[in-house]
Amino acid sequence: MLVITRRTGESFSFQLEHLDPSLTLAELFGEEMEVRVTLLNINGQQARIGIEAPRDITVLRAELEDDYHEHGAVAAR
């Protein structure tokens, strides 16, 4: 499980660009296509969020999206 902290107004996204757009989710991930987002904790203006997703799905904090699209996945890690 990936755990991230987000403040009020911050976001994250799921990046699927590297996958074949002609395939359905069932074809891409089979039985493992579930994405689960769990709110783990709220502390003032911050929330801890747990994300479980197949390895083929990139979970990206919004502030890293420009680097990810400009330089690829390695730069955003």
Protein backbone atom coordinates (compact mmCIF):
# COMPACT_ATOMS: atom_id res chain seq x y z
CA MET A 1 0.00 0.00 0.00
CA LEU A 2 1.24 3.44 -0.97
CA VAL A 3 0.53 6.00 1.77
CA ILE A 4 0.50 9.70 0.88
CA THR A 5 -0.43 12.81 2.84
CA ARG A 6 -2.54 15.48 1.19
CA ARG A 7 -3.47 18.89 2.56
CA THR A 8 -6.75 20.64 1.83
CA GLY A 9 -6.92 21.33 -1.91
CA GLU A 10 -4.02 19.00 -2.87
CA SER A 11 -4.67 16.05 -5.16
CA PHE A 12 -3.23 12.95 -6.78
CA SER A 13 -3.98 11.16 -10.03
CA PHE A 14 -3.74 7.74 -11.62
CA GLN A 15 -1.60 7.72 -14.79
CA LEU A 16 -2.51 5.13 -17.41
CA GLU A 17 -0.80 6.68 -20.46
CA HIS A 18 1.69 3.86 -21.02
CA LEU A 19 -1.10 1.28 -21.41
CA ASP A 20 -2.77 0.22 -24.65
CA PRO A 21 -5.95 2.35 -24.86
CA SER A 22 -7.76 -0.26 -26.96
CA LEU A 23 -7.78 -2.78 -24.10
CA THR A 24 -10.52 -2.96 -21.48
CA LEU A 25 -9.65 -2.86 -17.77
CA ALA A 26 -10.43 -6.56 -17.52
CA GLU A 27 -7.99 -7.30 -20.37
CA LEU A 28 -5.31 -5.09 -18.81
CA PHE A 29 -5.47 -6.32 -15.25
CA GLY A 30 -7.56 -9.50 -15.20
CA GLU A 31 -8.79 -10.19 -11.69
CA GLU A 32 -6.29 -7.70 -10.21
CA MET A 33 -7.95 -4.57 -11.61
CA GLU A 34 -9.17 -3.26 -8.29
CA VAL A 35 -7.99 0.14 -7.08
CA ARG A 36 -8.69 0.80 -3.42
CA VAL A 37 -8.34 4.22 -1.80
CA THR A 38 -8.57 4.28 2.00
CA LEU A 39 -8.71 7.34 4.23
CA LEU A 40 -6.30 6.37 7.01
CA ASN A 41 -6.22 9.45 9.21
CA ILE A 42 -7.23 13.09 9.36
CA ASN A 43 -5.15 15.52 11.38
CA GLY A 44 -6.25 19.15 11.06
CA GLN A 45 -5.84 20.14 7.40
CA GLN A 46 -3.98 16.93 6.43
CA ALA A 47 -5.33 13.54 5.43
CA ARG A 48 -3.30 10.33 5.15
CA ILE A 49 -4.53 8.25 2.23
CA GLY A 50 -3.68 4.64 1.48
CA ILE A 51 -3.78 3.52 -2.15
CA GLU A 52 -3.71 -0.07 -3.38
CA ALA A 53 -3.51 -0.48 -7.17
CA PRO A 54 -1.98 -2.83 -9.74
CA ARG A 55 1.69 -2.08 -10.46
CA ASP A 56 0.81 -0.95 -14.00
CA ILE A 57 -1.00 2.09 -12.59
CA THR A 58 1.16 5.03 -11.58
CA VAL A 59 -0.13 7.00 -8.61
CA LEU A 60 1.19 10.52 -8.90
CA ARG A 61 0.98 13.53 -6.59
CA ALA A 62 -0.32 16.55 -8.51
CA GLU A 63 2.85 18.57 -7.88
CA LEU A 64 4.89 15.93 -9.77
CA GLU A 65 2.67 15.67 -12.86
CA ASP A 66 4.65 18.20 -14.94
CA ASP A 67 7.96 16.40 -14.25
CA TYR A 68 6.34 13.05 -15.02
CA HIS A 69 5.02 14.21 -18.39
CA GLU A 70 8.19 16.10 -19.31
CA HIS A 71 10.87 13.64 -18.17
CA GLY A 72 9.10 10.34 -17.64
CA ALA A 73 8.46 8.13 -14.66
CA VAL A 74 12.04 8.06 -13.36
CA ALA A 75 12.18 11.82 -12.74
CA ALA A 76 8.90 11.81 -10.83
CA ARG A 77 9.95 9.16 -8.30
